[in-house]
Protein backbone atom coordinates (compact mmCIF):
# COMPACT_ATOMS: atom_id res chain seq x y z
CA MET A 1 89.29 61.58 92.99
CA ALA A 2 92.97 62.47 93.26
CA ALA A 3 92.18 66.16 92.74
CA LEU A 4 89.42 65.96 95.35
CA VAL A 5 91.75 64.35 97.89
CA PHE A 6 94.40 67.03 97.27
CA PHE A 7 91.79 69.77 97.75
CA LEU A 8 90.58 68.34 101.05
CA VAL A 9 94.09 67.78 102.40
CA SER A 10 95.08 71.35 101.53
CA GLN A 11 92.28 72.69 103.72
CA ARG A 12 93.82 71.40 106.92
CA ALA A 13 94.26 74.05 109.59
CA GLU A 14 97.80 75.40 109.49
CA THR A 15 99.38 77.94 111.80
CA ILE A 16 102.50 80.04 111.68
CA ASP A 17 103.99 82.22 114.38
CA VAL A 18 103.93 85.69 112.81
CA SER A 19 103.52 88.91 114.76
CA TYR A 20 103.97 92.53 113.78
CA ALA A 21 105.16 95.29 116.03
CA GLN A 22 103.18 98.41 116.83
CA SER A 23 104.05 101.27 114.47
CA PRO A 24 106.01 103.95 116.37
CA THR A 25 104.19 106.76 114.56
CA SER A 26 101.33 108.54 116.23
CA SER A 27 97.86 107.21 115.47
CA GLU A 28 96.42 110.70 115.83
CA SER A 29 95.86 113.02 112.89
CA ARG A 30 99.00 114.74 111.62
CA GLU A 31 97.01 117.77 110.49
CA GLY A 32 97.97 119.75 113.58
CA ASN A 33 96.07 122.63 115.11
CA LYS A 34 93.67 124.88 113.27
CA ASP A 35 96.31 127.58 112.74
CA ALA A 36 98.82 125.24 111.04
CA GLY A 37 99.45 125.92 107.38
CA LEU A 38 98.25 129.54 107.43
CA SER A 39 100.08 132.09 105.31
CA ASP A 40 100.49 135.85 105.40
CA ALA A 41 98.37 136.26 102.28
CA SER A 42 95.67 138.92 102.38
CA VAL A 43 92.24 139.09 100.81
CA PRO A 44 90.75 142.46 99.73
CA PRO A 45 87.53 143.74 101.30
CA VAL A 46 84.23 142.26 100.15
CA ASP A 47 83.21 145.35 98.14
CA GLU A 48 86.44 145.28 96.17
CA LEU A 49 86.09 141.55 95.45
CA VAL A 50 82.49 142.02 94.27
CA ALA A 51 83.47 144.88 91.97
CA ARG A 52 86.30 142.89 90.43
CA LEU A 53 84.14 139.77 89.96
CA GLN A 54 81.49 141.83 88.18
CA ALA A 55 84.06 143.40 85.90
CA GLU A 56 86.52 140.55 85.27
CA ARG A 57 86.01 136.94 84.20
CA VAL A 58 89.05 135.73 86.16
CA VAL A 59 90.13 137.39 89.41
CA ARG A 60 93.56 136.20 90.59
CA LEU A 61 94.69 137.35 94.02
CA PRO A 62 98.39 137.70 94.93
CA GLY A 63 99.97 134.40 95.97
CA ALA A 64 97.52 132.21 94.03
CA VAL A 65 99.09 128.92 92.89
CA ALA A 66 96.34 127.28 90.81
CA HIS A 67 96.52 127.17 87.00
CA TRP A 68 94.38 125.64 84.26
CA ASP A 69 94.20 125.16 80.51
CA GLU A 70 92.36 128.32 79.56
CA ALA A 71 91.42 127.06 76.10
CA ARG A 72 89.73 123.92 77.47
CA VAL A 73 87.87 125.81 80.18
CA ASP A 74 86.80 128.63 77.84
CA GLN A 75 85.47 126.08 75.36
CA LEU A 76 83.42 124.49 78.12
CA ILE A 77 82.05 127.83 79.34
CA GLY A 78 81.12 128.98 75.85
CA GLY A 79 78.69 131.90 75.96
CA ARG A 80 77.67 131.37 79.58
CA ASP A 81 78.40 133.90 82.31
CA ALA A 82 80.98 132.36 84.62
CA ARG A 83 83.51 133.95 86.96
CA ILE A 84 86.61 132.37 88.51
CA LEU A 85 88.12 133.69 91.75
CA VAL A 86 91.61 132.33 92.46
CA ALA A 87 92.96 132.85 96.00
CA PRO A 88 96.23 131.76 97.61
CA PRO A 89 96.41 128.84 100.06
CA GLY A 90 96.59 129.28 103.82
CA LEU A 91 93.72 131.75 104.35
CA ASP A 92 92.33 132.21 107.84
CA GLU A 93 88.65 132.09 108.73
CA ALA A 94 88.06 135.82 108.25
CA GLU A 95 89.61 135.78 104.78
CA ARG A 96 87.59 132.73 103.77
CA LYS A 97 84.44 134.47 105.00
CA ARG A 98 85.14 137.52 102.83
CA ILE A 99 85.53 135.32 99.77
CA SER A 100 82.29 133.49 100.60
CA GLU A 101 80.36 136.74 101.03
CA ALA A 102 81.66 138.17 97.77
CA LYS A 103 80.77 134.97 95.94
CA SER A 104 77.23 134.95 97.33
CA GLN A 105 76.64 138.53 96.12
CA VAL A 106 77.83 137.85 92.58
CA ASP A 107 76.59 134.29 92.15
CA GLY A 108 73.04 133.90 90.81
CA ASP A 109 70.72 132.05 88.45
CA GLU A 110 72.41 133.48 85.35
CA ARG A 111 75.99 133.58 86.67
CA GLU A 112 78.20 130.87 88.14
CA VAL A 113 81.15 131.74 90.36
CA VAL A 114 83.95 129.19 90.82
CA THR A 115 86.28 129.78 93.76
CA ILE A 116 89.76 128.26 94.01
CA VAL A 117 91.58 128.50 97.33
CA GLY A 118 95.04 127.04 96.89
CA THR A 119 94.06 124.17 94.60
CA THR A 120 90.67 123.46 96.23
CA VAL A 121 87.94 124.03 93.63
CA SER A 122 84.35 124.72 94.69
CA GLY A 123 81.18 126.12 93.20
CA GLY A 124 77.62 126.36 94.45
CA ILE A 125 77.48 123.96 97.37
CA LEU A 126 79.94 121.54 95.75
CA GLU A 127 83.66 120.97 96.24
CA VAL A 128 85.62 118.84 93.76
CA SER A 129 88.45 116.49 94.69
CA PRO A 130 90.77 114.49 92.41
CA SER A 131 90.07 110.76 92.15
CA THR A 132 93.39 109.45 90.76
CA LEU A 133 97.05 109.71 91.66
CA ASP A 134 97.77 111.36 88.30
CA GLU A 135 95.32 114.15 89.12
CA ARG A 136 96.80 114.58 92.62
CA ARG A 137 100.32 114.72 91.17
CA ALA A 138 99.31 117.40 88.66
CA GLU A 139 97.57 119.36 91.42
CA PHE A 140 100.40 119.38 93.96
CA ALA A 141 103.42 119.31 91.63
CA VAL A 142 102.22 121.89 89.09
CA GLY A 143 99.02 123.44 90.47
CA ASP A 144 96.95 122.11 87.55
CA VAL A 145 93.19 122.25 88.31
CA THR A 146 91.92 122.04 84.73
CA GLY A 147 90.10 118.75 85.27
CA LEU A 148 88.55 119.92 88.54
CA ILE A 149 87.11 123.09 86.99
CA SER A 150 85.84 121.19 83.96
CA TYR A 151 84.16 118.54 86.08
CA LEU A 152 82.55 121.10 88.39
CA LEU A 153 81.10 123.25 85.59
CA ALA A 154 79.86 120.23 83.66
CA HIS A 155 78.10 118.98 86.79
CA LEU A 156 76.59 122.38 87.63
CA TRP A 157 75.33 122.83 84.08
CA LYS A 158 74.24 119.18 83.79
CA GLN A 159 76.42 118.50 80.77
CA PRO A 160 78.40 115.35 79.89
CA VAL A 161 81.71 115.38 81.72
CA ALA A 162 84.54 115.98 79.25
CA ASP A 163 87.93 114.32 79.48
CA SER A 164 89.43 115.62 82.73
CA ALA A 165 92.82 113.88 82.50
CA PRO A 166 95.60 116.34 83.39
CA ASP A 167 98.12 117.35 80.76
CA PHE A 168 101.08 116.32 82.90
CA ARG A 169 104.25 115.34 81.03
CA TRP A 170 107.67 114.12 82.17
CA ARG A 171 111.01 114.77 80.49
CA GLU A 172 114.52 113.60 81.20
CA PRO A 173 116.59 116.15 83.13
CA THR A 174 119.52 117.63 81.27
CA ALA A 175 123.09 117.03 82.35
CA ALA A 176 123.30 120.61 83.63
CA GLU A 177 120.15 120.13 85.72
CA LEU A 178 121.23 116.77 87.10
CA ALA A 179 124.84 117.62 87.99
CA PRO A 180 124.20 119.91 91.02
CA VAL A 181 121.55 117.53 92.36
CA GLU A 182 123.88 114.53 92.17
CA ALA A 183 126.75 116.48 93.73
CA ALA A 184 124.63 117.65 96.68
CA LEU A 185 123.26 114.16 97.30
CA ARG A 186 126.75 112.67 97.31
CA ALA A 187 127.91 115.37 99.71
CA ASP A 188 125.24 115.27 102.43
CA GLY A 189 122.29 113.28 101.03
CA ARG A 190 120.00 116.28 100.53
CA TYR A 191 119.35 118.81 97.77
CA THR A 192 117.05 121.83 98.04
CA ALA A 193 116.46 123.82 94.85
CA ASP A 194 115.75 127.55 94.79
CA GLY A 195 112.15 128.14 95.79
CA ALA A 196 111.77 124.84 97.66
CA THR A 197 110.67 125.04 101.30
CA LEU A 198 112.45 121.94 102.63
CA THR A 199 114.74 122.85 105.55
CA GLY A 200 115.44 119.45 107.07
CA VAL A 201 114.74 115.73 106.93
CA PRO A 202 113.49 113.88 110.03
CA GLY A 203 116.40 111.44 110.25
CA GLU A 204 114.90 108.84 112.62
CA ALA A 205 111.61 108.67 110.70
CA ALA A 206 113.50 108.39 107.42
CA ARG A 207 115.59 105.46 108.70
CA GLN A 208 112.54 103.67 110.11
CA ALA A 209 110.65 104.18 106.87
CA PHE A 210 113.33 102.49 104.78
CA ASP A 211 114.52 99.72 107.10
CA GLY A 212 117.51 101.58 108.50
CA ALA A 213 118.74 102.98 105.18
CA GLU A 214 119.29 106.72 105.00
CA PRO A 215 117.24 108.08 102.04
CA LEU A 216 118.48 110.67 99.58
CA VAL A 217 116.06 113.61 99.43
CA ALA A 218 115.77 116.14 96.60
CA ALA A 219 113.25 118.98 96.93
CA PHE A 220 112.05 121.26 94.13
CA PRO A 221 109.46 124.03 94.13
CA ARG A 222 106.11 123.76 92.39
CA GLN A 223 106.90 123.30 88.69
CA PRO A 224 105.90 125.74 85.92
CA PHE A 225 102.43 125.03 84.51
CA GLY A 226 102.20 123.80 80.92
CA GLU A 227 105.82 122.65 80.68
CA PRO A 228 107.22 119.10 80.91
CA VAL A 229 108.56 118.30 84.38
CA PRO A 230 112.11 116.92 84.71
CA ASP A 231 111.83 113.37 86.08
CA TYR A 232 114.74 113.19 88.51
CA GLY A 233 113.65 109.91 90.13
CA PRO A 234 114.77 107.40 87.43
CA ALA A 235 117.92 109.41 86.66
CA LEU A 236 118.97 109.46 90.31
CA THR A 237 118.09 105.77 90.74
CA ALA A 238 120.51 104.94 87.93
CA ARG A 239 123.28 106.78 89.79
CA PHE A 240 122.36 105.50 93.28
CA PRO A 241 120.87 102.06 92.55
CA ALA A 242 120.84 100.72 96.11
CA ARG A 243 119.64 103.85 97.93
CA PRO A 244 116.10 104.95 98.74
CA ILE A 245 115.39 108.22 96.92
CA VAL A 246 112.62 110.69 97.76
CA VAL A 247 111.87 113.54 95.34
CA LEU A 248 109.51 116.43 96.16
CA TYR A 249 107.88 118.70 93.60
CA GLY A 250 105.97 121.31 95.56
CA LEU A 251 103.72 119.29 97.87
CA TRP A 252 103.98 116.09 95.79
CA VAL A 253 106.25 113.36 97.21
CA SER A 254 107.48 110.46 95.07
CA TYR A 255 109.66 107.51 96.05
CA HIS A 256 112.22 105.71 93.89
CA GLY A 257 114.61 102.91 94.72
CA PRO A 258 114.39 99.46 96.35
CA ASN A 259 110.84 98.03 96.45
CA ALA A 260 109.40 101.10 94.74
CA ASP A 261 107.05 98.94 92.67
CA ALA A 262 105.76 97.29 95.84
CA PHE A 263 104.68 100.21 97.98
CA ALA A 264 105.32 103.61 96.32
CA ASP A 265 101.81 103.90 94.86
CA VAL A 266 100.25 102.48 98.03
CA ALA A 267 102.00 105.06 100.21
CA ALA A 268 101.15 107.95 97.88
CA ALA A 269 97.51 106.91 97.53
CA SER A 270 97.11 106.49 101.28
CA THR A 271 98.82 109.80 102.11
CA TYR A 272 96.97 112.00 99.64
CA ALA A 273 93.62 110.27 100.09
CA GLN A 274 93.68 111.25 103.77
CA PHE A 275 95.46 114.60 103.69
CA GLY A 276 95.00 115.77 100.09
CA SER A 277 91.98 117.99 100.68
CA HIS A 278 93.73 119.59 103.69
CA LEU A 279 97.01 120.15 101.84
CA SER A 280 95.27 121.68 98.84
CA SER A 281 93.93 124.67 100.81
CA ARG A 282 96.80 125.21 103.27
CA ALA A 283 100.33 126.57 102.89
CA TYR A 284 102.36 123.79 104.50
CA PRO A 285 106.16 123.67 104.05
CA GLN A 286 107.68 120.64 102.40
CA ASP A 287 109.09 119.50 105.76
CA ALA A 288 105.58 118.84 107.07
CA VAL A 289 104.47 116.98 103.94
CA LEU A 290 107.63 114.84 103.93
CA GLY A 291 107.09 113.99 107.61
CA VAL A 292 103.52 112.88 106.94
CA TYR A 293 104.67 110.76 103.98
CA LEU A 294 107.46 109.07 105.95
CA ASP A 295 105.07 108.29 108.81
CA ARG A 296 102.69 106.66 106.35
CA VAL A 297 105.50 104.53 104.89
CA ILE A 298 106.40 103.41 108.42
CA ASP A 299 102.77 102.48 109.11
CA ILE A 300 102.60 100.44 105.91
CA ARG A 301 105.83 98.59 106.66
CA TYR A 302 104.76 97.79 110.23
CA ALA A 303 101.41 96.56 108.90
CA GLY A 304 103.33 93.58 107.50
CA LEU A 305 102.57 94.23 103.85
CA PHE A 306 106.18 94.35 102.65
CA ASP A 307 109.51 92.72 103.60
CA ARG A 308 107.90 90.53 106.29
CA PRO A 309 106.76 86.86 106.28
CA LEU A 310 103.10 86.44 105.48
CA PRO A 311 100.79 84.07 107.41
CA TYR A 312 100.33 80.54 106.04
CA GLN A 313 98.38 80.30 102.81
CA PRO A 314 97.25 76.81 101.68
CA PRO A 315 98.12 75.80 98.10
CA ASP A 316 95.48 76.60 95.56
CA PRO A 317 93.79 73.32 94.49
CA LEU A 318 92.62 75.00 91.31
CA ARG A 319 96.13 74.76 89.89
CA VAL A 320 95.95 70.95 90.21
CA THR A 321 92.30 70.52 89.31
CA LEU A 322 92.34 72.43 86.03
CA PRO A 323 95.06 70.31 84.35
CA VAL A 324 93.30 67.11 85.51
CA LEU A 325 89.87 68.03 84.11
CA PRO A 326 90.66 67.34 80.41
CA TRP A 327 91.97 63.86 81.28
CA VAL A 328 88.91 63.13 83.41
CA PHE A 329 86.70 64.19 80.52
CA ALA A 330 88.65 62.04 78.03
CA GLY A 331 88.30 59.00 80.33
CA CYS A 332 84.54 59.53 80.59
CA VAL A 333 84.30 59.69 76.80
CA ALA A 334 86.30 56.44 76.42
CA VAL A 335 84.03 54.61 78.89
CA PHE A 336 80.93 55.93 77.15
CA VAL A 337 82.19 54.79 73.73
CA ALA A 338 83.02 51.31 75.07
CA LEU A 339 79.55 50.88 76.58
CA SER A 340 77.87 52.20 73.46
CA ALA A 341 79.81 49.80 71.21
CA ARG A 342 78.39 46.80 73.15
CA ALA A 343 74.85 48.16 72.95
CA VAL A 344 74.78 48.47 69.13
CA ARG A 345 75.56 44.80 68.39
CA LYS A 346 72.88 43.16 66.15
CA PRO A 347 70.58 40.79 68.07
CA ARG A 348 69.61 38.83 64.97
CA GLY A 349 73.16 38.15 63.87
CA LEU A 350 74.08 37.03 67.36
CA ALA A 351 71.09 34.66 67.53
CA ARG A 352 71.93 33.06 64.21
CA GLY A 353 75.54 32.59 65.19
CA THR A 354 74.77 30.71 68.41
CA GLY A 355 74.63 26.90 68.89
CA ALA A 356 71.57 24.62 68.42
CA GLY A 357 71.29 24.01 72.15
CA ALA A 358 71.10 27.73 72.93
CA ARG A 359 68.51 28.23 70.17
CA LEU A 360 66.45 25.33 71.50
CA GLY A 361 66.50 26.82 75.00
CA ALA A 362 65.47 30.27 73.79
CA LEU A 363 62.57 28.92 71.67
CA THR A 364 61.42 26.72 74.55
CA ALA A 365 61.41 29.76 76.88
CA LEU A 366 59.33 31.66 74.31
CA ALA A 367 56.82 28.80 74.04
CA ILE A 368 56.41 28.68 77.82
CA GLU A 369 55.96 32.48 78.05
CA VAL A 370 53.20 32.62 75.39
CA SER A 371 51.42 29.49 76.61
CA GLY A 372 49.27 31.48 79.01
CA LEU A 373 48.12 33.83 76.24
CA THR A 374 47.04 31.44 73.46
CA ASP A 375 43.54 30.26 72.57
CA GLY A 376 41.87 28.88 69.44
CA GLU A 377 44.12 28.92 66.42
CA SER A 378 47.09 30.10 68.45
CA ASP A 379 46.71 27.02 70.71
CA VAL A 380 47.09 24.76 67.66
CA ALA A 381 50.21 26.59 66.45
CA LEU A 382 51.71 26.47 69.96
CA THR A 383 51.03 22.71 70.25
CA VAL A 384 52.78 22.04 66.93
CA ALA A 385 55.72 24.22 68.01
CA LEU A 386 56.09 22.31 71.29
CA ALA A 387 56.10 19.01 69.41
CA LYS A 388 58.82 20.23 67.05
CA LEU A 389 60.87 21.47 70.00
CA ASP A 390 60.57 18.04 71.66
CA SER A 391 61.75 16.42 68.42
CA ALA A 392 64.70 18.81 68.23
CA ARG A 393 65.67 17.93 71.82
CA GLU A 394 65.62 14.23 70.98
CA ALA A 395 67.71 14.85 67.86
CA ILE A 396 70.35 16.71 69.87
CA GLU A 397 70.45 13.90 72.45
CA GLU A 398 70.90 11.28 69.71
CA GLY A 399 73.58 13.29 67.89
CA ARG A 400 71.45 14.20 64.92
CA LYS A 401 71.01 17.69 63.41
CA PRO A 402 67.96 19.49 64.88
CA ASP A 403 67.92 22.32 62.34
CA VAL A 404 64.74 21.18 60.55
CA PHE A 405 62.77 20.81 63.78
CA LEU A 406 64.03 24.13 65.12
CA ALA A 407 63.10 25.88 61.88
CA GLU A 408 59.56 24.45 62.01
CA ALA A 409 59.22 25.39 65.70
CA HIS A 410 60.49 28.89 64.82
CA SER A 411 57.83 29.20 62.10
CA GLN A 412 54.99 28.00 64.37
CA LEU A 413 55.97 30.38 67.19
CA ASP A 414 56.12 33.22 64.69
CA GLU A 415 52.53 32.32 63.71
CA VAL A 416 51.51 32.37 67.39
CA ALA A 417 52.92 35.88 67.74
CA ARG A 418 51.06 36.99 64.61
CA LEU A 419 47.75 35.60 65.89
CA LEU A 420 48.28 37.25 69.29
CA GLY A 421 49.25 40.57 67.68
CA ARG A 422 52.45 40.72 69.71
CA THR A 423 55.51 41.53 67.62
CA ASP A 424 57.69 41.35 70.72
CA TYR A 425 56.98 37.58 70.87
CA ARG A 426 58.23 36.95 67.36
CA PRO A 427 61.15 34.47 67.58
CA ASP A 428 63.59 36.77 65.76
CA VAL A 429 62.97 39.49 68.34
CA TYR A 430 62.55 37.36 71.46
CA VAL A 431 65.35 34.88 70.82
CA GLY A 432 67.79 37.71 70.01
CA ARG A 433 66.87 39.51 73.21
CA GLN A 434 67.37 36.36 75.30
CA LEU A 435 70.79 35.59 73.81
CA VAL A 436 72.34 39.06 74.14
């Protein structure tokens, strides 16, 4: 009952004055116009592409960024006829059309052509997208599309899907690698490695994203495929423990620093779930990707998920109810045992241990109850029993022992029960039941 009362009381309507401001970022798509993210890459004419696809198993065009584990993919292909066309990101509509026409001329019932534009993998009428953050990180930080190719071919050939987990490995940066990064961050809060495309950090968005704190930003180009990637985030966090730190590897953005466990994965999953397929086929600079990421962090913070008071939540009655249940159960068992102990007491022993007056009353009640059922021989036995009971009553009134009369009345009533064929009217049974 106490647990029930606590549960009901905790359900009372409670209110709290909590409001969240409107995020200052634009609610419109950040993808930009249709010409954004185009590169100066060129695609050969259709005839040249067809000739190369017929002659070569893998055709890699200049500027292509995708890589894969050739041993794993070759093992999956086996003796089948498959071609892979790898194109750079940022192609315009005319270049995409040339690739599509070349593919349609080479592709057939006995040959499968896989096209990779940037890191977007497609074949037949299908296009494959990563489903985990690890796969997205391998795609944008290294250009690894091994799992995407394997999944696509297995699906096209109706085979069991092999393990598609990317072979992405971290390593600690060396002192020589870390020193220039740390020095640049201490100097002006930004480091851009050779080959990186970051030219500036949107200061206002960065401060809004991290509650007024200016983040440290380190940008690196897409990392070499097949080699462990230096993990600058933890190393820089150890040197700048109170500062937000953003590290870019190619088009992959990772956050380290205060509250990283709370929202880093949420921000990354949200950003790349919405823009991943667009980023994989376009040639965006790191500035654009960082801006999109910072806007998403601002949206998440203004949504009230982190660093803000949450609306009232009633206490969970389950935390009180569960500890009480064993004690409630033990109390029920104790009551059950107590009631059962009273029920197993012997009627006969109780009847024999009672006084003469109580025995006389019980036998008299039995005689009255069977009087309407007797006839013939049972009438005679009942008459004798009534006489003995009258004698026992007189003996008790005069202070004499009535045991002899009660014993004879008991015997006669037992005979009545035998003649009637009713064992429930035997004195031992009936008298015991009356005296319990």
